[in-house]
Protein backbone atom coordinates (compact mmCIF):
# COMPACT_ATOMS: atom_id res chain seq x y z
CA UNK A 1 77.56 101.29 143.37
CA UNK A 2 75.56 98.28 144.48
CA UNK A 3 71.85 98.10 145.14
CA UNK A 4 69.92 95.91 147.53
CA UNK A 5 66.31 95.02 146.94
CA UNK A 6 63.79 93.39 149.23
CA UNK A 7 63.97 89.91 147.70
CA UNK A 8 67.49 89.68 146.35
CA UNK A 9 70.97 89.78 147.78
CA UNK A 10 72.22 92.04 145.04
CA UNK A 11 73.39 95.09 146.96
CA UNK A 12 71.89 98.42 146.26
CA UNK A 13 73.12 101.29 147.94
CA UNK A 14 73.46 100.44 151.42
CA UNK A 15 69.78 112.12 163.99
CA UNK A 16 69.41 112.12 165.25
CA UNK A 17 66.38 111.44 166.12
CA UNK A 18 65.99 108.19 164.63
CA UNK A 19 66.02 105.50 167.03
CA UNK A 20 63.40 106.96 169.12
CA UNK A 21 60.29 105.44 167.67
CA UNK A 22 60.47 102.94 170.42
CA UNK A 23 57.02 103.19 171.89
CA UNK A 24 55.10 101.69 168.99
CA UNK A 25 52.84 104.72 168.68
CA UNK A 26 53.78 105.22 165.04
CA UNK A 27 54.47 108.91 165.54
CA UNK A 28 58.23 108.59 165.50
CA UNK A 29 58.39 111.06 168.40
CA UNK A 30 59.86 110.33 171.81
CA UNK A 31 57.16 109.60 174.36
CA UNK A 32 58.45 110.18 177.88
CA UNK A 33 54.93 109.60 179.12
CA UNK A 34 55.33 106.00 178.07
CA UNK A 35 58.76 106.07 179.63
CA UNK A 36 57.59 107.58 182.92
CA UNK A 37 60.39 110.01 183.59
CA UNK A 38 59.17 110.36 187.14
CA UNK A 39 59.77 106.76 188.12
CA UNK A 40 61.82 106.21 191.25
CA UNK A 41 65.31 105.04 190.25
CA UNK A 42 66.08 101.42 191.01
CA UNK A 43 69.38 99.68 191.34
CA UNK A 44 68.50 97.01 188.79
CA UNK A 45 66.93 97.18 185.39
CA UNK A 46 63.61 95.29 185.32
CA UNK A 47 63.70 92.30 183.02
CA UNK A 48 61.05 89.99 181.69
CA UNK A 49 61.32 86.29 182.36
CA UNK A 50 63.83 84.79 179.94
CA UNK A 51 62.63 82.20 177.49
CA UNK A 52 64.63 79.11 176.76
CA UNK A 53 66.02 80.24 173.43
CA UNK A 54 68.84 78.34 171.82
CA UNK A 55 71.69 80.52 170.53
CA UNK A 56 72.63 79.92 166.93
CA UNK A 57 76.19 81.14 167.15
CA UNK A 58 79.19 81.19 169.40
CA UNK A 59 80.57 84.58 170.44
CA UNK A 60 83.43 85.70 168.24
CA UNK A 61 85.68 88.71 168.34
CA UNK A 62 84.57 91.10 166.73
CA UNK A 63 73.39 104.58 167.75
CA UNK A 64 64.68 103.07 167.10
CA UNK A 65 66.38 105.39 168.59
CA UNK A 66 67.63 108.71 168.11
CA UNK A 67 66.24 111.75 169.51
CA UNK A 68 63.67 113.89 167.87
CA UNK A 69 64.72 117.27 166.53
CA UNK A 70 62.25 118.87 168.92
CA UNK A 71 62.67 116.89 172.13
CA UNK A 72 59.86 116.45 174.59
CA UNK A 73 60.55 118.49 177.75
CA UNK A 74 62.89 116.72 180.12
CA UNK A 75 61.28 114.90 183.05
CA UNK A 76 60.78 117.12 186.08
CA UNK A 77 62.72 115.20 188.67
CA UNK A 78 65.89 115.70 190.60
CA UNK A 79 68.73 113.85 188.87
CA UNK A 80 70.22 111.05 190.90
CA UNK A 81 74.01 110.88 190.68
CA UNK A 82 75.84 107.62 190.17
CA UNK A 83 77.97 105.93 192.80
CA UNK A 84 79.47 108.48 195.16
CA UNK A 85 82.70 108.82 193.24
CA UNK A 86 81.37 108.89 189.64
CA UNK A 87 79.90 111.90 187.89
CA UNK A 88 79.69 113.55 184.47
CA UNK A 89 81.70 116.65 183.63
CA UNK A 90 81.27 118.96 180.63
CA UNK A 91 84.13 118.86 178.11
CA UNK A 92 84.69 120.67 174.83
CA UNK A 93 82.78 123.42 176.64
CA UNK A 94 83.32 125.87 173.79
CA UNK A 95 81.15 123.82 171.42
CA UNK A 96 77.46 122.88 171.65
CA UNK A 97 76.57 120.02 169.29
CA UNK A 98 73.28 120.26 167.40
CA UNK A 99 71.55 116.84 167.47
CA UNK A 100 74.78 114.86 167.41
CA UNK A 101 74.55 111.40 165.88
CA UNK A 102 78.11 110.11 166.28
CA UNK A 103 81.37 111.18 167.93
CA UNK A 104 84.84 109.70 167.56
CA UNK A 105 88.50 110.60 167.71
CA UNK A 106 90.69 110.47 164.60
CA UNK A 107 92.63 107.19 164.67
CA UNK A 108 95.98 108.82 163.82
CA UNK A 109 96.59 110.16 167.33
CA UNK A 110 96.45 113.79 166.20
CA UNK A 111 93.93 114.67 168.92
CA UNK A 112 91.24 115.68 166.44
CA UNK A 113 87.67 114.67 167.20
CA UNK A 114 84.85 114.45 164.67
CA UNK A 115 81.17 114.85 165.42
CA UNK A 116 78.24 114.42 163.02
CA UNK A 117 75.07 116.45 163.26
CA UNK A 118 71.77 115.15 161.99
CA UNK A 119 71.16 117.90 159.46
CA UNK A 120 74.16 116.81 157.39
CA UNK A 121 77.35 118.33 158.82
CA UNK A 122 80.51 116.83 160.29
CA UNK A 123 82.48 119.08 162.61
CA UNK A 124 86.16 118.74 163.54
CA UNK A 125 87.08 119.69 167.10
CA UNK A 126 90.69 120.49 167.95
CA UNK A 127 92.30 121.60 171.18
CA UNK A 128 91.27 118.62 173.27
CA UNK A 129 88.37 117.94 175.65
CA UNK A 130 89.86 119.95 178.52
CA UNK A 131 90.76 123.07 176.53
CA UNK A 132 88.97 126.22 177.59
CA UNK A 133 88.99 127.59 174.05
CA UNK A 134 89.39 125.08 171.23
CA UNK A 135 88.49 125.26 167.57
CA UNK A 136 85.56 123.86 165.64
CA UNK A 137 85.26 123.82 161.87
CA UNK A 138 82.91 122.19 159.38
CA UNK A 139 84.80 119.54 157.41
CA UNK A 140 81.78 118.14 155.57
CA UNK A 141 78.48 119.80 154.68
CA UNK A 142 76.04 117.63 152.74
CA UNK A 143 72.86 119.28 153.98
CA UNK A 144 71.75 119.59 150.34
CA UNK A 145 72.02 115.80 149.89
CA UNK A 146 70.51 114.68 153.19
CA UNK A 147 66.79 114.06 153.69
CA UNK A 148 65.62 115.18 157.14
CA UNK A 149 61.87 115.09 156.58
CA UNK A 150 61.28 112.42 159.22
CA UNK A 151 62.55 112.66 162.78
CA UNK A 152 64.62 109.51 162.24
CA UNK A 153 66.21 110.70 159.02
CA UNK A 154 69.39 112.66 158.36
CA UNK A 155 73.12 112.09 158.63
CA UNK A 156 72.99 109.14 161.01
CA UNK A 157 76.56 107.95 161.35
CA UNK A 158 80.12 107.98 160.07
CA UNK A 159 83.39 106.12 160.44
CA UNK A 160 86.94 107.31 159.79
CA UNK A 161 89.10 104.74 158.03
CA UNK A 162 91.46 103.02 160.46
CA UNK A 163 94.47 103.93 158.31
CA UNK A 164 93.62 107.63 158.26
CA UNK A 165 96.75 109.77 158.55
CA UNK A 166 99.16 106.89 157.85
CA UNK A 167 100.09 107.79 154.25
CA UNK A 168 98.50 104.61 152.92
CA UNK A 169 96.04 106.34 150.62
CA UNK A 170 93.16 105.58 152.96
CA UNK A 171 92.40 109.07 154.21
CA UNK A 172 88.72 108.36 153.81
CA UNK A 173 85.58 108.87 155.83
CA UNK A 174 82.42 106.81 155.38
CA UNK A 175 78.93 108.21 156.06
CA UNK A 176 75.42 106.79 156.37
CA UNK A 177 72.58 109.18 155.54
CA UNK A 178 69.04 109.26 154.17
CA UNK A 179 68.30 110.77 150.77
CA UNK A 180 65.23 111.42 148.63
CA UNK A 181 63.91 110.65 145.15
CA UNK A 182 63.65 107.84 145.87
CA UNK A 183 63.75 107.71 149.67
CA UNK A 184 66.75 105.58 150.57
CA UNK A 185 69.69 105.04 152.89
CA UNK A 186 73.05 105.94 151.38
CA UNK A 187 76.37 104.54 152.55
CA UNK A 188 79.14 106.43 150.81
CA UNK A 189 82.75 107.52 151.22
CA UNK A 190 84.54 110.86 150.94
CA UNK A 191 88.24 111.59 150.57
CA UNK A 192 90.09 114.16 152.63
CA UNK A 193 91.53 117.18 150.82
CA UNK A 194 95.01 118.54 151.70
CA UNK A 195 93.45 121.16 153.99
CA UNK A 196 91.86 118.47 156.15
CA UNK A 197 88.30 118.96 154.95
CA UNK A 198 86.35 116.40 152.94
CA UNK A 199 86.13 116.85 149.20
CA UNK A 200 82.46 117.02 148.20
CA UNK A 201 83.29 115.98 144.65
CA UNK A 202 85.02 112.82 145.87
CA UNK A 203 81.86 111.08 147.10
CA UNK A 204 81.65 107.48 145.99
CA UNK A 205 78.51 105.49 146.70
CA UNK A 206 79.23 102.20 148.43
CA UNK A 207 75.66 100.97 148.61
CA UNK A 208 72.09 102.21 148.82
CA UNK A 209 69.03 100.67 150.43
CA UNK A 210 65.50 101.78 149.43
CA UNK A 211 63.53 102.89 152.48
CA UNK A 212 59.78 102.22 152.59
CA UNK A 213 59.25 104.90 155.25
CA UNK A 214 60.93 107.52 157.38
CA UNK A 215 61.63 105.41 160.47
CA UNK A 216 63.92 102.56 161.55
CA UNK A 217 66.88 103.47 159.34
CA UNK A 218 69.64 102.43 161.76
CA UNK A 219 72.68 104.42 160.68
CA UNK A 220 75.69 103.28 162.75
CA UNK A 221 79.02 102.72 161.03
CA UNK A 222 82.13 101.30 162.68
CA UNK A 223 85.32 99.61 161.59
CA UNK A 224 85.88 96.37 163.45
CA UNK A 225 89.22 95.14 164.77
CA UNK A 226 89.32 92.89 161.70
CA UNK A 227 89.52 95.97 159.45
CA UNK A 228 86.07 95.42 157.92
CA UNK A 229 83.31 98.05 157.91
CA UNK A 230 80.14 97.23 159.87
CA UNK A 231 76.86 99.08 159.23
CA UNK A 232 73.49 98.88 160.96
CA UNK A 233 70.10 99.12 159.23
CA UNK A 234 66.66 99.04 160.84
CA UNK A 235 63.65 97.11 159.56
CA UNK A 236 62.52 100.10 157.49
CA UNK A 237 59.18 100.44 159.31
CA UNK A 238 56.31 100.73 159.66
CA UNK A 239 55.26 99.90 163.22
CA UNK A 240 55.51 96.18 163.90
CA UNK A 241 57.63 95.43 160.82
CA UNK A 242 54.59 94.59 158.64
CA UNK A 243 56.84 93.39 155.79
CA UNK A 244 58.58 90.87 158.04
CA UNK A 245 61.99 92.25 157.16
CA UNK A 246 63.57 91.25 160.46
CA UNK A 247 63.42 87.53 159.67
CA UNK A 248 63.99 87.84 155.92
CA UNK A 249 67.67 87.29 155.18
CA UNK A 250 67.28 87.92 151.45
CA UNK A 251 67.66 91.64 152.22
CA UNK A 252 69.65 93.75 154.70
CA UNK A 253 66.77 95.39 156.57
CA UNK A 254 66.98 94.75 160.30
CA UNK A 255 70.62 93.70 160.13
CA UNK A 256 74.20 94.57 160.87
CA UNK A 257 76.26 94.04 157.74
CA UNK A 258 80.01 93.48 157.33
CA UNK A 259 81.84 94.50 154.16
CA UNK A 260 85.38 94.97 152.92
CA UNK A 261 85.95 98.49 151.57
CA UNK A 262 89.69 98.14 150.89
CA UNK A 263 89.50 97.00 147.27
CA UNK A 264 90.18 99.92 144.88
CA UNK A 265 88.16 98.60 141.93
CA UNK A 266 84.92 97.83 143.77
CA UNK A 267 82.88 99.91 146.25
CA UNK A 268 83.07 96.84 148.48
CA UNK A 269 83.40 93.08 148.47
CA UNK A 270 81.91 90.51 150.83
CA UNK A 271 84.38 88.93 153.27
CA UNK A 272 84.53 85.20 152.55
CA UNK A 273 83.78 84.26 156.17
CA UNK A 274 80.50 86.18 156.37
CA UNK A 275 77.75 83.74 157.45
CA UNK A 276 75.90 83.89 154.11
CA UNK A 277 78.89 84.55 151.84
CA UNK A 278 78.31 81.30 149.99
CA UNK A 279 75.04 82.64 148.59
CA UNK A 280 71.33 82.00 148.95
CA UNK A 281 70.83 84.94 151.29
CA UNK A 282 72.16 88.51 151.42
CA UNK A 283 75.90 87.84 151.73
CA UNK A 284 76.62 91.15 153.47
CA UNK A 285 74.70 90.13 156.61
CA UNK A 286 76.70 89.62 159.80
CA UNK A 287 73.72 89.46 162.22
CA UNK A 288 69.95 89.90 161.78
CA UNK A 289 66.58 89.91 163.51
CA UNK A 290 67.11 93.49 164.75
CA UNK A 291 64.46 96.19 164.88
CA UNK A 292 66.61 99.31 164.83
CA UNK A 293 70.23 98.89 165.96
CA UNK A 294 70.83 102.61 166.42
CA UNK A 295 74.27 102.31 168.07
CA UNK A 296 76.74 99.45 168.31
CA UNK A 297 80.41 99.27 169.24
CA UNK A 298 83.41 97.00 169.72
CA UNK A 299 85.25 96.44 172.98
CA UNK A 300 88.77 97.60 172.20
CA UNK A 301 90.24 95.11 174.67
CA UNK A 302 88.82 91.92 173.17
CA UNK A 303 86.82 92.83 170.04
CA UNK A 304 83.43 91.82 171.45
CA UNK A 305 80.52 93.56 169.74
CA UNK A 306 77.63 95.17 171.64
CA UNK A 307 74.45 96.79 170.29
CA UNK A 308 71.45 98.63 171.66
CA UNK A 309 68.35 97.59 169.70
CA UNK A 310 65.41 99.95 170.09
CA UNK A 311 62.19 98.20 171.04
CA UNK A 312 58.54 98.80 170.29
CA UNK A 313 55.68 97.80 172.59
CA UNK A 314 57.43 97.51 175.90
CA UNK A 315 61.04 96.34 175.87
CA UNK A 316 64.41 97.91 175.12
CA UNK A 317 67.31 95.52 174.77
CA UNK A 318 71.09 95.22 174.72
CA UNK A 319 72.53 92.48 172.52
CA UNK A 320 75.88 90.72 172.35
CA UNK A 321 76.40 90.46 168.59
CA UNK A 322 77.94 87.31 167.12
CA UNK A 323 78.50 86.01 163.62
CA UNK A 324 75.22 84.83 162.09
CA UNK A 325 73.18 85.65 165.19
CA UNK A 326 69.39 85.93 164.88
CA UNK A 327 68.07 88.32 167.54
CA UNK A 328 64.40 87.52 167.04
CA UNK A 329 62.63 90.59 165.66
CA UNK A 330 59.77 90.64 164.76
CA UNK A 331 58.91 87.20 166.12
CA UNK A 332 60.23 88.26 169.50
CA UNK A 333 60.76 91.46 171.46
CA UNK A 334 63.09 91.07 174.40
CA UNK A 335 62.61 87.58 175.83
CA UNK A 336 58.96 87.26 174.82
CA UNK A 337 56.69 86.91 171.81
CA UNK A 338 55.81 89.85 169.58
CA UNK A 339 54.19 88.35 166.46
CA UNK A 340 52.23 86.30 167.29
CA UNK A 341 51.80 87.65 170.81
CA UNK A 342 51.64 84.12 172.21
CA UNK A 343 52.91 80.78 171.06
CA UNK A 344 55.78 82.12 168.99
CA UNK A 345 58.88 80.08 168.19
CA UNK A 346 61.20 79.73 171.15
CA UNK A 347 64.32 78.34 169.52
CA UNK A 348 66.78 79.62 166.97
CA UNK A 349 67.10 83.06 168.55
CA UNK A 350 69.74 84.71 170.72
CA UNK A 351 68.29 86.36 173.82
CA UNK A 352 69.28 89.89 174.84
CA UNK A 353 71.99 90.30 177.46
CA UNK A 354 69.81 92.78 179.34
CA UNK A 355 66.46 94.52 178.90
CA UNK A 356 64.41 97.27 180.50
CA UNK A 357 60.75 98.18 180.28
CA UNK A 358 59.29 101.47 179.15
CA UNK A 359 58.67 102.68 182.67
CA UNK A 360 62.45 103.32 182.64
CA UNK A 361 62.67 105.02 179.27
CA UNK A 362 61.62 104.85 175.63
CA UNK A 363 64.65 104.18 173.42
CA UNK A 364 67.94 102.49 174.24
CA UNK A 365 71.11 104.26 173.18
CA UNK A 366 73.95 101.76 172.83
CA UNK A 367 77.30 102.87 174.21
CA UNK A 368 80.81 101.53 174.77
CA UNK A 369 82.84 99.27 177.02
CA UNK A 370 84.84 101.59 179.26
CA UNK A 371 88.60 101.22 178.83
CA UNK A 372 89.79 104.56 180.20
CA UNK A 373 91.81 105.53 183.27
CA UNK A 374 89.74 108.29 184.86
CA UNK A 375 87.24 105.93 186.51
CA UNK A 376 89.01 102.63 187.29
CA UNK A 377 85.86 101.10 188.79
CA UNK A 378 84.20 101.23 185.35
CA UNK A 379 86.93 99.27 183.59
CA UNK A 380 85.36 96.55 181.45
CA UNK A 381 81.80 97.79 181.98
CA UNK A 382 79.53 98.27 178.96
CA UNK A 383 77.84 101.67 179.35
CA UNK A 384 74.50 102.48 177.71
CA UNK A 385 71.55 104.78 178.32
CA UNK A 386 68.04 105.83 177.38
CA UNK A 387 67.14 108.84 175.29
CA UNK A 388 63.93 109.86 177.08
CA UNK A 389 64.71 109.20 180.73
CA UNK A 390 68.40 110.04 180.70
CA UNK A 391 69.20 106.97 182.76
CA UNK A 392 72.58 105.32 182.28
CA UNK A 393 73.29 101.66 183.09
CA UNK A 394 76.28 99.35 183.05
CA UNK A 395 76.75 95.66 182.27
CA UNK A 396 79.87 93.98 183.59
CA UNK A 397 79.95 90.58 181.91
CA UNK A 398 82.42 90.18 179.08
CA UNK A 399 81.03 87.01 177.53
CA UNK A 400 77.50 88.09 176.61
CA UNK A 401 75.70 86.03 179.26
CA UNK A 402 72.37 87.36 180.54
CA UNK A 403 72.41 89.55 183.61
CA UNK A 404 70.62 92.33 185.42
CA UNK A 405 72.17 95.65 184.49
CA UNK A 406 73.03 98.13 187.21
CA UNK A 407 71.79 101.70 187.21
CA UNK A 408 74.86 103.92 187.12
CA UNK A 409 73.13 107.30 187.25
CA UNK A 410 69.82 109.03 186.58
CA UNK A 411 70.38 112.24 184.62
CA UNK A 412 68.06 114.88 183.18
CA UNK A 413 69.66 114.70 179.74
CA UNK A 414 68.24 113.61 176.42
CA UNK A 415 71.02 111.19 175.45
CA UNK A 416 71.43 111.09 171.68
CA UNK A 417 74.58 109.00 171.41
CA UNK A 418 77.81 108.05 173.15
CA UNK A 419 81.39 108.39 171.94
CA UNK A 420 84.81 107.05 172.85
CA UNK A 421 88.31 108.48 172.57
CA UNK A 422 91.48 106.62 171.72
CA UNK A 423 92.26 106.60 175.44
CA UNK A 424 89.13 104.55 176.16
CA UNK A 425 87.25 107.37 177.88
CA UNK A 426 83.51 107.40 177.16
CA UNK A 427 81.53 110.53 176.27
CA UNK A 428 77.83 111.32 176.51
CA UNK A 429 76.28 113.53 173.81
CA UNK A 430 73.30 115.39 175.31
CA UNK A 431 70.66 117.01 173.12
CA UNK A 432 69.47 119.53 175.68
CA UNK A 433 65.96 120.74 176.39
CA UNK A 434 64.19 123.77 175.03
CA UNK A 435 62.23 124.08 178.25
CA UNK A 436 64.96 123.43 180.84
CA UNK A 437 67.74 126.07 180.80
CA UNK A 438 69.95 123.82 182.92
CA UNK A 439 69.87 121.01 180.37
CA UNK A 440 72.17 122.18 177.61
CA UNK A 441 73.42 120.73 174.37
CA UNK A 442 76.80 119.48 175.47
CA UNK A 443 79.47 116.80 175.50
CA UNK A 444 80.05 115.09 178.84
CA UNK A 445 82.68 112.69 180.16
CA UNK A 446 82.68 110.19 183.05
CA UNK A 447 85.05 111.19 185.85
CA UNK A 448 85.61 110.74 189.58
CA UNK A 449 84.25 113.51 191.76
C-alpha cells in the first residue's frame, strides 16, 4: 500500500451523489433552483467569453457531481425530445439501479454488465439489455467498508481489468470508495472467485488518499488504451478549495492520475512517461487543476480522453484531457477568474472545450464518445449531461478545440452517470424521483424512434 500526503509525492492510498456540490452553497446537495429547471431549452449551450489561455500540452491519445441520495424533485416541465429521430429507450427493464455510480460491460465479450451502487455493492447483469427477464446478482458487497455519511461519499467507481476472462491471471476488478477512521479515499483491487463473484478476502489496497471533508472525492476509474489505470480525485473540499489543492502538484488532489497496476510485487508503479515521473512533484499525476472530475472516458476510436469537471459558482465544463494539462482550478473556473475574481493569471492553463452556466443545470456528468450503430448520426459525438436539469448535450469535434455544444435532448431525469457497451452504444443511468412516478430508476439507451 502507498500513501499520499498533502505535501509529498509519496503515495498513500489513493454515489453517487458526489459530484453534485456544484453550486458553491456548501451543502453538498443538488440545487435545481440554481439550475433553473424551468428554463426554455436552447439549441446551444451558453458559454462565457474565452480568455486567451496558452495550452501547456499537446493532445495525446489517451463520473462535483454525483447525485444526492435524496434527489430534489425533478423540474416540472415537459421534456423536450432530441432531434426527431433520436430518443431514449429503457433497457435492462427487469432491474432498477439504486444510485448507480458506474456501468460497464465485461471486456471478455461474455455479455455480462457490471453496475456499482453508491452504498457499496456491485451488481452483475446477464441476459443482455433487450432481454425481458434477465438476471441480476451481487458480486461484491463492501457496504461494511464504505463510508456514506456525506452525499458525495460511497462506492464511487470501478474498472474491470482489460485482460479479464483471458486466462492471464488478471481477473481483477479495481474500486474507488470512501472509508472512515480516518476519512479517506481508497483505491483497491479484488480478485474474482471461480463462481464469478469477487473474493472479499482478496482485497489489496493500491493507494489511499486522506480526505479533509466529505465532498469533492472524484471517484472515476478507467483503463486507458495504453493499459494503464487512470483515476480521478477532486480537490477534497471545502467550498472554493481553501487549501489550494488544485494548483499544488505535490499531491494528487484535483487530479487525474495514471498508474501501472500490472506488476505483481507492487500495488502499482509510475509509468516512466508520466509528466512528473522524474520527481519533484507527485509522479502519479497525468493532469491537474480539476475541481471534481466525476466522470471521464476514452474515445475507443482514437484514445482521446474527455472529462466533465463539476463547477462551483456558475460554470460547468467539459475538458479535453492531455498529458500534463493544467485545467486552472482554483485560479480559474471555466474561461474566467475564480480566485482572485479579477486579474488572475491568464496563461499556463488549458481552456474547457465547452461550458454551460447554472441556468442550464447544476453539475456536469461526463459521458462517452458514441461509437455504436443504432444512431449513426451520433457517431463521433461526445455525449454528456447535467444531473439536476436532465439536459443532454453533444460535442462533435475530435481534437479538443473549443466549440458551442448542441442540446441533444431535455429530459426529466436525474442523470447520475453514463455507461458504454463493447459495441459503442451509450447508456444513461437515471436516479429517478421520489415525487414523480413517471421518473423511475432505470437504465436507458440512445436509439432511433
